[in-house]
Amino acid sequence: MLCHLGAESPRVLIGAALGEDAPIIEMGDRVIIAKVNPITGAEKIVGGLAVHINANDVATRGARPLWFQDVLLLPPGTTRARLERIMKDMDAACRQLGVQLIGGHTECVSGLERPVVVGFMIGEASRDRYVTTGGAKPGDKVIMTKTVGLEGTSIFATDLREKLSGFKRATLIRAAKMSSQISVVPEALLAVEKGGVHALHTPTEGGIINGLWEMAKAAGIGLRVYEESIPVAPETAEITRCLGVDPLKLLSSGALLMCVAPECVNTILEALSSIKVRASVIGEARPKDEGLWIMRGRKQRRIKPVTQDELFRVLETC
């Protein structure tokens, strides 16, 4: 589908491309980053997610998110209270990031069973400071922040609470609160500021597996990733085990993948630790002809694109 892209513009530095998180548009000595994403797999935390997911993709360009618009598509009969809850969540997320909500559109749509929120975020960066998904180089270290499946775990705990009724209440509360870790804006901007970051990417649908595959394909590199180095929160491990879900293929907004020059790794890890963001070296970029592999002890398996995120697979059966 990437062949149907309309008229070309010389000001588009990075446009629609496999794995790239957001387009980059030249504006003199600045660049504008624009990103649009829908939120379709959540209901109770949909407003805040719409802001943070789009802000994340702007921040992975090394740009600060600044302005936000939304399209709210609501099921018939949606109450004013429900709409206000979505808007309050959106407002709180925007204030957290220093973003202004500058407009949007709201309507009820027949056939919808749950709200769908489409967000559009705009940010800017200096012409010489932006980052791409495809900038990784062989020899780079792959760093991942936080833990896998953050967003998916939070949605399971909030929207599928009845299906998880056998869990301890404290476990579900902790899992639901993982939504507070969805933003990667602070760590993305700090890492870029410290230097040595060749590529940034947010692993969303398809989880960490899809994120790694997209990053590698965008850059034209191989990968060696070590499964024992990939952090999984206890709540995620417990819930995914109960639901028969692979946590490495679960919606992972809130984690951030970065490819970093080896000599800059310690500086970035220390900087992230200073803002209390967990970060782990999970692998390294290799020449393309070495392929894409996840290692587990002496065993290895290929990193392949995920056709359906585990969250949506489970939601289909509910």
C-alpha atoms as a PDB file:
ATOM      1  CA  MET A   1       0.000   0.000   0.000  1.00  0.00           C
ATOM      2  CA  LEU A   2       3.003   2.306   0.327  1.00  0.00           C
ATOM      3  CA  CYS A   3       2.860   2.949  -3.420  1.00  0.00           C
ATOM      4  CA  HIS A   4      -0.396   4.937  -3.064  1.00  0.00           C
ATOM      5  CA  LEU A   5       0.955   8.088  -1.435  1.00  0.00           C
ATOM      6  CA  GLY A   6      -0.301  10.964  -3.574  1.00  0.00           C
ATOM      7  CA  ALA A   7       1.857  13.788  -4.882  1.00  0.00           C
ATOM      8  CA  GLU A   8       5.421  13.994  -3.579  1.00  0.00           C
ATOM      9  CA  SER A   9       6.632  16.984  -1.587  1.00  0.00           C
ATOM     10  CA  PRO A  10      10.345  17.854  -1.326  1.00  0.00           C
ATOM     11  CA  ARG A  11       9.750  19.103   2.223  1.00  0.00           C
ATOM     12  CA  VAL A  12       8.853  15.611   3.479  1.00  0.00           C
ATOM     13  CA  LEU A  13      12.130  14.297   4.879  1.00  0.00           C
ATOM     14  CA  ILE A  14      10.632  11.058   6.175  1.00  0.00           C
ATOM     15  CA  GLY A  15       7.228   9.991   4.928  1.00  0.00           C
ATOM     16  CA  ALA A  16       5.206   6.796   5.089  1.00  0.00           C
ATOM     17  CA  ALA A  17       7.627   3.870   5.408  1.00  0.00           C
ATOM     18  CA  LEU A  18       7.810   0.473   7.079  1.00  0.00           C
ATOM     19  CA  GLY A  19       8.569   0.816  10.794  1.00  0.00           C
ATOM     20  CA  GLU A  20       8.883   4.602  10.822  1.00  0.00           C
ATOM     21  CA  ASP A  21       6.873   6.061  13.699  1.00  0.00           C
ATOM     22  CA  ALA A  22       5.938   9.474  12.282  1.00  0.00           C
ATOM     23  CA  PRO A  23       6.536  11.700   9.241  1.00  0.00           C
ATOM     24  CA  ILE A  24       9.088  14.510   9.399  1.00  0.00           C
ATOM     25  CA  ILE A  25       8.405  17.736   7.504  1.00  0.00           C
ATOM     26  CA  GLU A  26      11.013  20.437   6.892  1.00  0.00           C
ATOM     27  CA  MET A  27      10.172  23.933   8.175  1.00  0.00           C
ATOM     28  CA  GLY A  28      13.392  25.900   7.638  1.00  0.00           C
ATOM     29  CA  ASP A  29      15.687  25.372  10.623  1.00  0.00           C
ATOM     30  CA  ARG A  30      12.975  23.280  12.334  1.00  0.00           C
ATOM     31  CA  VAL A  31      11.113  20.094  11.501  1.00  0.00           C
ATOM     32  CA  ILE A  32       7.479  19.332  12.232  1.00  0.00           C
ATOM     33  CA  ILE A  33       6.537  15.845  13.392  1.00  0.00           C
ATOM     34  CA  ALA A  34       2.907  14.801  12.872  1.00  0.00           C
ATOM     35  CA  LYS A  35       1.353  11.548  14.074  1.00  0.00           C
ATOM     36  CA  VAL A  36      -2.122  10.029  13.960  1.00  0.00           C
ATOM     37  CA  ASN A  37      -3.162   6.851  15.806  1.00  0.00           C
ATOM     38  CA  PRO A  38      -6.514   5.316  16.773  1.00  0.00           C
ATOM     39  CA  ILE A  39      -7.217   3.643  20.109  1.00  0.00           C
ATOM     40  CA  THR A  40      -9.477   0.655  19.481  1.00  0.00           C
ATOM     41  CA  GLY A  41      -8.579  -1.992  22.060  1.00  0.00           C
ATOM     42  CA  ALA A  42      -9.380  -0.070  25.258  1.00  0.00           C
ATOM     43  CA  GLU A  43     -12.461   1.532  26.742  1.00  0.00           C
ATOM     44  CA  LYS A  44     -12.002   2.776  30.296  1.00  0.00           C
ATOM     45  CA  ILE A  45      -8.641   4.521  29.701  1.00  0.00           C
ATOM     46  CA  VAL A  46      -9.137   5.426  26.043  1.00  0.00           C
ATOM     47  CA  GLY A  47      -8.832   9.223  26.433  1.00  0.00           C
ATOM     48  CA  GLY A  48      -5.421   9.251  28.091  1.00  0.00           C
ATOM     49  CA  LEU A  49      -4.100   6.528  25.800  1.00  0.00           C
ATOM     50  CA  ALA A  50      -5.009   8.557  22.698  1.00  0.00           C
ATOM     51  CA  VAL A  51      -2.809  11.393  23.919  1.00  0.00           C
ATOM     52  CA  HIS A  52       0.125   9.344  25.174  1.00  0.00           C
ATOM     53  CA  ILE A  53       0.356   6.888  22.263  1.00  0.00           C
ATOM     54  CA  ASN A  54       0.542   9.704  19.734  1.00  0.00           C
ATOM     55  CA  ALA A  55       2.902  11.767  21.901  1.00  0.00           C
ATOM     56  CA  ASN A  56       5.211   8.752  22.158  1.00  0.00           C
ATOM     57  CA  ASP A  57       5.596   8.500  18.403  1.00  0.00           C
ATOM     58  CA  VAL A  58       6.435  12.206  18.179  1.00  0.00           C
ATOM     59  CA  ALA A  59       9.003  11.871  20.977  1.00  0.00           C
ATOM     60  CA  THR A  60      10.733   8.955  19.221  1.00  0.00           C
ATOM     61  CA  ARG A  61      11.737  11.519  16.602  1.00  0.00           C
ATOM     62  CA  GLY A  62      13.530  13.508  19.292  1.00  0.00           C
ATOM     63  CA  ALA A  63      10.709  16.069  19.165  1.00  0.00           C
ATOM     64  CA  ARG A  64       8.626  17.527  21.986  1.00  0.00           C
ATOM     65  CA  PRO A  65       4.852  16.989  21.565  1.00  0.00           C
ATOM     66  CA  LEU A  66       3.040  20.336  21.553  1.00  0.00           C
ATOM     67  CA  TRP A  67      -0.424  20.277  19.981  1.00  0.00           C
ATOM     68  CA  PHE A  68      -3.178  17.640  19.900  1.00  0.00           C
ATOM     69  CA  GLN A  69      -6.466  17.079  18.073  1.00  0.00           C
ATOM     70  CA  ASP A  70      -8.917  14.222  18.448  1.00  0.00           C
ATOM     71  CA  VAL A  71     -11.782  12.482  16.690  1.00  0.00           C
ATOM     72  CA  LEU A  72     -14.235  10.797  19.080  1.00  0.00           C
ATOM     73  CA  LEU A  73     -16.476   8.141  17.538  1.00  0.00           C
ATOM     74  CA  LEU A  74     -19.042   7.044  20.115  1.00  0.00           C
ATOM     75  CA  PRO A  75     -21.669   4.290  20.272  1.00  0.00           C
ATOM     76  CA  PRO A  76     -25.295   5.456  20.034  1.00  0.00           C
ATOM     77  CA  GLY A  77     -26.710   6.274  23.455  1.00  0.00           C
ATOM     78  CA  THR A  78     -23.365   7.367  24.918  1.00  0.00           C
ATOM     79  CA  THR A  79     -24.089   9.417  28.016  1.00  0.00           C
ATOM     80  CA  ARG A  80     -22.741  12.869  28.699  1.00  0.00           C
ATOM     81  CA  ALA A  81     -20.984  11.473  31.774  1.00  0.00           C
ATOM     82  CA  ARG A  82     -19.125   8.911  29.656  1.00  0.00           C
ATOM     83  CA  LEU A  83     -18.029  11.570  27.171  1.00  0.00           C
ATOM     84  CA  GLU A  84     -16.906  13.848  29.983  1.00  0.00           C
ATOM     85  CA  ARG A  85     -14.834  11.040  31.512  1.00  0.00           C
ATOM     86  CA  ILE A  86     -12.997  10.554  28.206  1.00  0.00           C
ATOM     87  CA  MET A  87     -12.386  14.292  27.867  1.00  0.00           C
ATOM     88  CA  LYS A  88     -11.151  14.615  31.464  1.00  0.00           C
ATOM     89  CA  ASP A  89      -8.669  11.792  30.889  1.00  0.00           C
ATOM     90  CA  MET A  90      -7.517  13.455  27.671  1.00  0.00           C
ATOM     91  CA  ASP A  91      -7.138  16.811  29.432  1.00  0.00           C
ATOM     92  CA  ALA A  92      -5.095  15.277  32.269  1.00  0.00           C
ATOM     93  CA  ALA A  93      -2.732  13.545  29.818  1.00  0.00           C
ATOM     94  CA  CYS A  94      -2.263  16.748  27.813  1.00  0.00           C
ATOM     95  CA  ARG A  95      -1.485  18.739  30.962  1.00  0.00           C
ATOM     96  CA  GLN A  96       1.011  16.100  32.079  1.00  0.00           C
ATOM     97  CA  LEU A  97       2.918  16.515  28.805  1.00  0.00           C
ATOM     98  CA  GLY A  98       2.500  20.280  28.404  1.00  0.00           C
ATOM     99  CA  VAL A  99       0.365  19.759  25.290  1.00  0.00           C
ATOM    100  CA  GLN A 100      -2.590  21.914  24.181  1.00  0.00           C
ATOM    101  CA  LEU A 101      -5.731  20.286  22.777  1.00  0.00           C
ATOM    102  CA  ILE A 102      -6.462  22.597  19.844  1.00  0.00           C
ATOM    103  CA  GLY A 103      -9.556  21.046  18.263  1.00  0.00           C
ATOM    104  CA  GLY A 104     -11.265  17.925  17.047  1.00  0.00           C
ATOM    105  CA  HIS A 105     -14.550  16.264  16.158  1.00  0.00           C
ATOM    106  CA  THR A 106     -17.140  14.187  18.048  1.00  0.00           C
ATOM    107  CA  GLU A 107     -20.041  12.104  16.739  1.00  0.00           C
ATOM    108  CA  CYS A 108     -22.106   9.008  17.481  1.00  0.00           C
ATOM    109  CA  VAL A 109     -21.738   6.194  14.953  1.00  0.00           C
ATOM    110  CA  SER A 110     -24.189   3.323  14.535  1.00  0.00           C
ATOM    111  CA  GLY A 111     -22.720  -0.140  14.899  1.00  0.00           C
ATOM    112  CA  LEU A 112     -20.020   0.780  17.409  1.00  0.00           C
ATOM    113  CA  GLU A 113     -19.937  -1.177  20.664  1.00  0.00           C
ATOM    114  CA  ARG A 114     -17.237   0.896  22.365  1.00  0.00           C
ATOM    115  CA  PRO A 115     -15.700   4.343  21.863  1.00  0.00           C
ATOM    116  CA  VAL A 116     -13.002   4.773  19.244  1.00  0.00           C
ATOM    117  CA  VAL A 117     -10.674   7.734  19.732  1.00  0.00           C
ATOM    118  CA  VAL A 118      -8.352   8.872  16.953  1.00  0.00           C
ATOM    119  CA  GLY A 119      -5.596  11.225  18.079  1.00  0.00           C
ATOM    120  CA  PHE A 120      -3.426  13.570  16.023  1.00  0.00           C
ATOM    121  CA  MET A 121      -0.275  14.938  17.697  1.00  0.00           C
ATOM    122  CA  ILE A 122       2.105  17.589  16.368  1.00  0.00           C
ATOM    123  CA  GLY A 123       5.562  18.400  17.690  1.00  0.00           C
ATOM    124  CA  GLU A 124       8.744  20.071  16.540  1.00  0.00           C
ATOM    125  CA  ALA A 125      12.496  19.638  16.736  1.00  0.00           C
ATOM    126  CA  SER A 126      15.592  21.355  15.382  1.00  0.00           C
ATOM    127  CA  ARG A 127      16.592  20.410  11.833  1.00  0.00           C
ATOM    128  CA  ASP A 128      19.755  18.613  13.004  1.00  0.00           C
ATOM    129  CA  ARG A 129      18.361  16.752  16.038  1.00  0.00           C
ATOM    130  CA  TYR A 130      15.649  14.430  14.764  1.00  0.00           C
ATOM    131  CA  VAL A 131      15.874  10.629  15.034  1.00  0.00           C
ATOM    132  CA  THR A 132      14.399   7.880  12.843  1.00  0.00           C
ATOM    133  CA  THR A 133      13.428   4.250  13.342  1.00  0.00           C
ATOM    134  CA  GLY A 134      15.745   3.225  10.515  1.00  0.00           C
ATOM    135  CA  GLY A 135      18.933   4.797  11.820  1.00  0.00           C
ATOM    136  CA  ALA A 136      20.323   1.737  13.623  1.00  0.00           C
ATOM    137  CA  LYS A 137      23.818   0.517  12.699  1.00  0.00           C
ATOM    138  CA  PRO A 138      25.508  -2.879  13.106  1.00  0.00           C
ATOM    139  CA  GLY A 139      27.312  -2.896  16.434  1.00  0.00           C
ATOM    140  CA  ASP A 140      24.693  -0.731  18.181  1.00  0.00           C
ATOM    141  CA  LYS A 141      23.359  -2.003  21.492  1.00  0.00           C
ATOM    142  CA  VAL A 142      19.605  -2.455  21.778  1.00  0.00           C
ATOM    143  CA  ILE A 143      18.157  -0.903  24.936  1.00  0.00           C
ATOM    144  CA  MET A 144      14.586  -1.397  26.108  1.00  0.00           C
ATOM    145  CA  THR A 145      12.926   0.696  28.805  1.00  0.00           C
ATOM    146  CA  LYS A 146      10.447  -0.536  31.425  1.00  0.00           C
ATOM    147  CA  THR A 147       8.798  -3.931  30.785  1.00  0.00           C
ATOM    148  CA  VAL A 148       6.960  -5.700  27.966  1.00  0.00           C
ATOM    149  CA  GLY A 149       3.185  -5.697  27.580  1.00  0.00           C
ATOM    150  CA  LEU A 150       2.525  -2.628  29.720  1.00  0.00           C
ATOM    151  CA  GLU A 151      -0.460  -1.322  27.791  1.00  0.00           C
ATOM    152  CA  GLY A 152      -1.926  -4.757  27.150  1.00  0.00           C
ATOM    153  CA  THR A 153      -1.622  -5.741  30.807  1.00  0.00           C
ATOM    154  CA  SER A 154      -3.331  -2.533  31.914  1.00  0.00           C
ATOM    155  CA  ILE A 155      -6.208  -3.034  29.479  1.00  0.00           C
ATOM    156  CA  PHE A 156      -6.662  -6.654  30.559  1.00  0.00           C
ATOM    157  CA  ALA A 157      -6.843  -5.536  34.201  1.00  0.00           C
ATOM    158  CA  THR A 158      -9.348  -2.726  33.568  1.00  0.00           C
ATOM    159  CA  ASP A 159     -11.570  -3.989  30.739  1.00  0.00           C
ATOM    160  CA  LEU A 160     -11.459  -7.760  31.432  1.00  0.00           C
ATOM    161  CA  ARG A 161     -11.639  -7.667  35.224  1.00  0.00           C
ATOM    162  CA  GLU A 162     -14.474 -10.235  35.289  1.00  0.00           C
ATOM    163  CA  LYS A 163     -12.410 -12.713  33.270  1.00  0.00           C
ATOM    164  CA  LEU A 164      -9.624 -12.304  35.846  1.00  0.00           C
ATOM    165  CA  SER A 165     -11.862 -12.633  38.896  1.00  0.00           C
ATOM    166  CA  GLY A 166      -9.626 -15.355  40.361  1.00  0.00           C
ATOM    167  CA  PHE A 167      -6.723 -12.948  40.766  1.00  0.00           C
ATOM    168  CA  LYS A 168      -5.908 -11.136  43.964  1.00  0.00           C
ATOM    169  CA  ARG A 169      -7.362  -7.635  43.993  1.00  0.00           C
ATOM    170  CA  ALA A 170      -3.929  -6.152  44.728  1.00  0.00           C
ATOM    171  CA  THR A 171      -2.491  -7.776  41.587  1.00  0.00           C
ATOM    172  CA  LEU A 172      -5.225  -6.320  39.382  1.00  0.00           C
ATOM    173  CA  ILE A 173      -4.827  -2.874  40.938  1.00  0.00           C
ATOM    174  CA  ARG A 174      -1.090  -2.910  40.253  1.00  0.00           C
ATOM    175  CA  ALA A 175      -1.688  -4.143  36.704  1.00  0.00           C
ATOM    176  CA  ALA A 176      -4.302  -1.451  36.035  1.00  0.00           C
ATOM    177  CA  LYS A 177      -1.905   1.216  37.269  1.00  0.00           C
ATOM    178  CA  MET A 178       0.590   0.232  34.564  1.00  0.00           C
ATOM    179  CA  SER A 179      -1.284   2.704  32.354  1.00  0.00           C
ATOM    180  CA  SER A 180       0.504   5.448  34.309  1.00  0.00           C
ATOM    181  CA  GLN A 181       3.769   4.258  32.687  1.00  0.00           C
ATOM    182  CA  ILE A 182       2.542   4.551  29.087  1.00  0.00           C
ATOM    183  CA  SER A 183       4.388   7.784  28.266  1.00  0.00           C
ATOM    184  CA  VAL A 184       7.931   7.459  26.921  1.00  0.00           C
ATOM    185  CA  VAL A 185       8.328  11.173  26.256  1.00  0.00           C
ATOM    186  CA  PRO A 186      10.725  11.948  29.162  1.00  0.00           C
ATOM    187  CA  GLU A 187      13.094   9.047  28.461  1.00  0.00           C
ATOM    188  CA  ALA A 188      13.075   9.511  24.682  1.00  0.00           C
ATOM    189  CA  LEU A 189      13.952  13.207  24.894  1.00  0.00           C
ATOM    190  CA  LEU A 190      16.574  12.639  27.599  1.00  0.00           C
ATOM    191  CA  ALA A 191      18.282   9.841  25.656  1.00  0.00           C
ATOM    192  CA  VAL A 192      18.476  11.984  22.519  1.00  0.00           C
ATOM    193  CA  GLU A 193      19.891  14.865  24.571  1.00  0.00           C
ATOM    194  CA  LYS A 194      22.686  12.626  25.940  1.00  0.00           C
ATOM    195  CA  GLY A 195      23.747  11.611  22.427  1.00  0.00           C
ATOM    196  CA  GLY A 196      24.658   8.396  20.658  1.00  0.00           C
ATOM    197  CA  VAL A 197      21.054   7.369  19.906  1.00  0.00           C
ATOM    198  CA  HIS A 198      20.853   6.158  16.311  1.00  0.00           C
ATOM    199  CA  ALA A 199      17.249   4.910  16.350  1.00  0.00           C
ATOM    200  CA  LEU A 200      14.129   5.002  18.535  1.00  0.00           C
ATOM    201  CA  HIS A 201      10.917   2.996  18.198  1.00  0.00           C
ATOM    202  CA  THR A 202       7.809   2.304  20.257  1.00  0.00           C
ATOM    203  CA  PRO A 203       6.691  -1.350  20.304  1.00  0.00           C
ATOM    204  CA  THR A 204       2.903  -1.099  20.114  1.00  0.00           C
ATOM    205  CA  GLU A 205       0.716  -3.703  18.341  1.00  0.00           C
ATOM    206  CA  GLY A 206       2.450  -7.055  18.158  1.00  0.00           C
ATOM    207  CA  GLY A 207       4.501  -6.200  21.220  1.00  0.00           C
ATOM    208  CA  ILE A 208       8.255  -6.273  21.540  1.00  0.00           C
ATOM    209  CA  ILE A 209       8.557  -8.892  18.767  1.00  0.00           C
ATOM    210  CA  ASN A 210       6.897  -6.647  16.200  1.00  0.00           C
ATOM    211  CA  GLY A 211       8.794  -3.609  17.456  1.00  0.00           C
ATOM    212  CA  LEU A 212      12.145  -5.322  16.993  1.00  0.00           C
ATOM    213  CA  TRP A 213      11.194  -6.615  13.543  1.00  0.00           C
ATOM    214  CA  GLU A 214      10.016  -3.166  12.397  1.00  0.00           C
ATOM    215  CA  MET A 215      13.163  -1.482  13.681  1.00  0.00           C
ATOM    216  CA  ALA A 216      15.404  -4.014  11.945  1.00  0.00           C
ATOM    217  CA  LYS A 217      13.527  -3.843   8.649  1.00  0.00           C
ATOM    218  CA  ALA A 218      13.532  -0.039   8.661  1.00  0.00           C
ATOM    219  CA  ALA A 219      17.304   0.007   9.204  1.00  0.00           C
ATOM    220  CA  GLY A 220      18.239  -2.994   7.052  1.00  0.00           C
ATOM    221  CA  ILE A 221      20.115  -4.726   9.873  1.00  0.00           C
ATOM    222  CA  GLY A 222      20.214  -8.059  11.658  1.00  0.00           C
ATOM    223  CA  LEU A 223      19.509  -8.515  15.363  1.00  0.00           C
ATOM    224  CA  ARG A 224      20.581 -10.737  18.239  1.00  0.00           C
ATOM    225  CA  VAL A 225      18.225 -10.347  21.200  1.00  0.00           C
ATOM    226  CA  TYR A 226      18.519 -12.298  24.440  1.00  0.00           C
ATOM    227  CA  GLU A 227      15.149 -13.344  25.865  1.00  0.00           C
ATOM    228  CA  GLU A 228      16.420 -13.649  29.432  1.00  0.00           C
ATOM    229  CA  SER A 229      17.372  -9.946  29.283  1.00  0.00           C
ATOM    230  CA  ILE A 230      13.867  -8.806  28.299  1.00  0.00           C
ATOM    231  CA  PRO A 231      12.103  -7.642  31.494  1.00  0.00           C
ATOM    232  CA  VAL A 232       8.572  -8.916  32.205  1.00  0.00           C
ATOM    233  CA  ALA A 233       6.693  -7.512  35.200  1.00  0.00           C
ATOM    234  CA  PRO A 234       5.298 -10.110  37.645  1.00  0.00           C
ATOM    235  CA  GLU A 235       1.737  -8.881  37.002  1.00  0.00           C
ATOM    236  CA  THR A 236       2.189  -9.263  33.250  1.00  0.00           C
ATOM    237  CA  ALA A 237       3.682 -12.736  33.654  1.00  0.00           C
ATOM    238  CA  GLU A 238       0.804 -13.858  35.881  1.00  0.00           C
ATOM    239  CA  ILE A 239      -2.018 -12.436  33.753  1.00  0.00           C
ATOM    240  CA  THR A 240      -0.595 -13.596  30.418  1.00  0.00           C
ATOM    241  CA  ARG A 241      -0.015 -17.074  31.818  1.00  0.00           C
ATOM    242  CA  CYS A 242      -3.664 -17.229  32.928  1.00  0.00           C
ATOM    243  CA  LEU A 243      -4.962 -16.038  29.538  1.00  0.00           C
ATOM    244  CA  GLY A 244      -2.576 -18.151  27.456  1.00  0.00           C
ATOM    245  CA  VAL A 245      -0.883 -15.049  26.051  1.00  0.00           C
ATOM    246  CA  ASP A 246       2.689 -14.562  24.831  1.00  0.00           C
ATOM    247  CA  PRO A 247       3.871 -11.408  26.669  1.00  0.00           C
ATOM    248  CA  LEU A 248       6.418 -10.698  23.925  1.00  0.00           C
ATOM    249  CA  LYS A 249       3.534 -10.317  21.427  1.00  0.00           C
ATOM    250  CA  LEU A 250       1.359  -8.155  23.683  1.00  0.00           C
ATOM    251  CA  LEU A 251       0.651  -4.446  23.118  1.00  0.00           C
ATOM    252  CA  SER A 252       3.707  -2.773  24.659  1.00  0.00           C
ATOM    253  CA  SER A 253       3.213   0.986  24.551  1.00  0.00           C
ATOM    254  CA  GLY A 254       5.189   2.408  27.461  1.00  0.00           C
ATOM    255  CA  ALA A 255       8.319   0.505  26.540  1.00  0.00           C
ATOM    256  CA  LEU A 256      10.865   2.198  24.282  1.00  0.00           C
ATOM    257  CA  LEU A 257      13.369   0.536  21.984  1.00  0.00           C
ATOM    258  CA  MET A 258      16.586   2.340  21.150  1.00  0.00           C
ATOM    259  CA  CYS A 259      19.711   1.480  19.218  1.00  0.00           C
ATOM    260  CA  VAL A 260      22.701   3.193  20.771  1.00  0.00           C
ATOM    261  CA  ALA A 261      26.399   3.500  19.958  1.00  0.00           C
ATOM    262  CA  PRO A 262      28.238   1.125  22.341  1.00  0.00           C
ATOM    263  CA  GLU A 263      30.368   3.876  23.879  1.00  0.00           C
ATOM    264  CA  CYS A 264      27.228   5.837  24.863  1.00  0.00           C
ATOM    265  CA  VAL A 265      25.279   3.013  26.516  1.00  0.00           C
ATOM    266  CA  ASN A 266      26.408   3.602  30.107  1.00  0.00           C
ATOM    267  CA  THR A 267      25.786   7.335  29.893  1.00  0.00           C
ATOM    268  CA  ILE A 268      22.227   6.753  28.693  1.00  0.00           C
ATOM    269  CA  LEU A 269      21.517   4.020  31.250  1.00  0.00           C
ATOM    270  CA  GLU A 270      22.715   6.311  34.042  1.00  0.00           C
ATOM    271  CA  ALA A 271      20.614   9.193  32.728  1.00  0.00           C
ATOM    272  CA  LEU A 272      17.492   7.047  32.567  1.00  0.00           C
ATOM    273  CA  SER A 273      18.145   5.727  36.060  1.00  0.00           C
ATOM    274  CA  SER A 274      18.331   9.329  37.307  1.00  0.00           C
ATOM    275  CA  ILE A 275      14.688   9.844  36.270  1.00  0.00           C
ATOM    276  CA  LYS A 276      13.720   6.428  37.663  1.00  0.00           C
ATOM    277  CA  VAL A 277      13.155   4.755  34.293  1.00  0.00           C
ATOM    278  CA  ARG A 278      14.209   1.123  34.200  1.00  0.00           C
ATOM    279  CA  ALA A 279      16.336   0.296  31.166  1.00  0.00           C
ATOM    280  CA  SER A 280      17.927  -2.960  30.016  1.00  0.00           C
ATOM    281  CA  VAL A 281      20.380  -3.893  27.282  1.00  0.00           C
ATOM    282  CA  ILE A 282      18.556  -6.724  25.512  1.00  0.00           C
ATOM    283  CA  GLY A 283      20.690  -7.332  22.441  1.00  0.00           C
ATOM    284  CA  GLU A 284      22.689  -5.860  19.636  1.00  0.00           C
ATOM    285  CA  ALA A 285      22.374  -4.861  16.004  1.00  0.00           C
ATOM    286  CA  ARG A 286      24.207  -7.101  13.550  1.00  0.00           C
ATOM    287  CA  PRO A 287      24.862  -7.101   9.791  1.00  0.00           C
ATOM    288  CA  LYS A 288      21.726  -7.833   7.789  1.00  0.00           C
ATOM    289  CA  ASP A 289      22.936 -11.188   6.493  1.00  0.00           C
ATOM    290  CA  GLU A 290      23.089 -12.565  10.050  1.00  0.00           C
ATOM    291  CA  GLY A 291      19.293 -12.446  10.284  1.00  0.00           C
ATOM    292  CA  LEU A 292      16.883 -11.611  13.114  1.00  0.00           C
ATOM    293  CA  TRP A 293      17.039 -13.896  16.135  1.00  0.00           C
ATOM    294  CA  ILE A 294      15.872 -14.152  19.716  1.00  0.00           C
ATOM    295  CA  MET A 295      18.220 -16.307  21.759  1.00  0.00           C
ATOM    296  CA  ARG A 296      17.141 -18.404  24.740  1.00  0.00           C
ATOM    297  CA  GLY A 297      20.083 -20.300  26.141  1.00  0.00           C
ATOM    298  CA  ARG A 298      21.365 -22.435  23.281  1.00  0.00           C
ATOM    299  CA  LYS A 299      18.071 -22.222  21.407  1.00  0.00           C
ATOM    300  CA  GLN A 300      17.111 -19.518  18.968  1.00  0.00           C
ATOM    301  CA  ARG A 301      13.988 -18.491  17.076  1.00  0.00           C
ATOM    302  CA  ARG A 302      13.504 -16.072  14.240  1.00  0.00           C
ATOM    303  CA  ILE A 303      11.976 -12.669  14.861  1.00  0.00           C
ATOM    304  CA  LYS A 304       8.960 -12.547  12.526  1.00  0.00           C
ATOM    305  CA  PRO A 305       6.130 -10.024  12.130  1.00  0.00           C
ATOM    306  CA  VAL A 306       3.151 -10.665  14.427  1.00  0.00           C
ATOM    307  CA  THR A 307      -0.090 -10.960  12.460  1.00  0.00           C
ATOM    308  CA  GLN A 308      -2.391 -10.216  15.413  1.00  0.00           C
ATOM    309  CA  ASP A 309      -1.629  -8.673  18.783  1.00  0.00           C
ATOM    310  CA  GLU A 310      -2.424 -10.953  21.711  1.00  0.00           C
ATOM    311  CA  LEU A 311      -4.777  -8.349  23.208  1.00  0.00           C
ATOM    312  CA  PHE A 312      -7.059  -8.355  20.171  1.00  0.00           C
ATOM    313  CA  ARG A 313      -6.931 -12.141  19.939  1.00  0.00           C
ATOM    314  CA  VAL A 314      -8.247 -12.385  23.497  1.00  0.00           C
ATOM    315  CA  LEU A 315     -10.847  -9.632  22.999  1.00  0.00           C
ATOM    316  CA  GLU A 316     -12.278 -11.538  20.033  1.00  0.00           C
ATOM    317  CA  THR A 317     -13.153 -14.450  22.298  1.00  0.00           C
ATOM    318  CA  CYS A 318     -14.844 -12.349  25.001  1.00  0.00           C
END
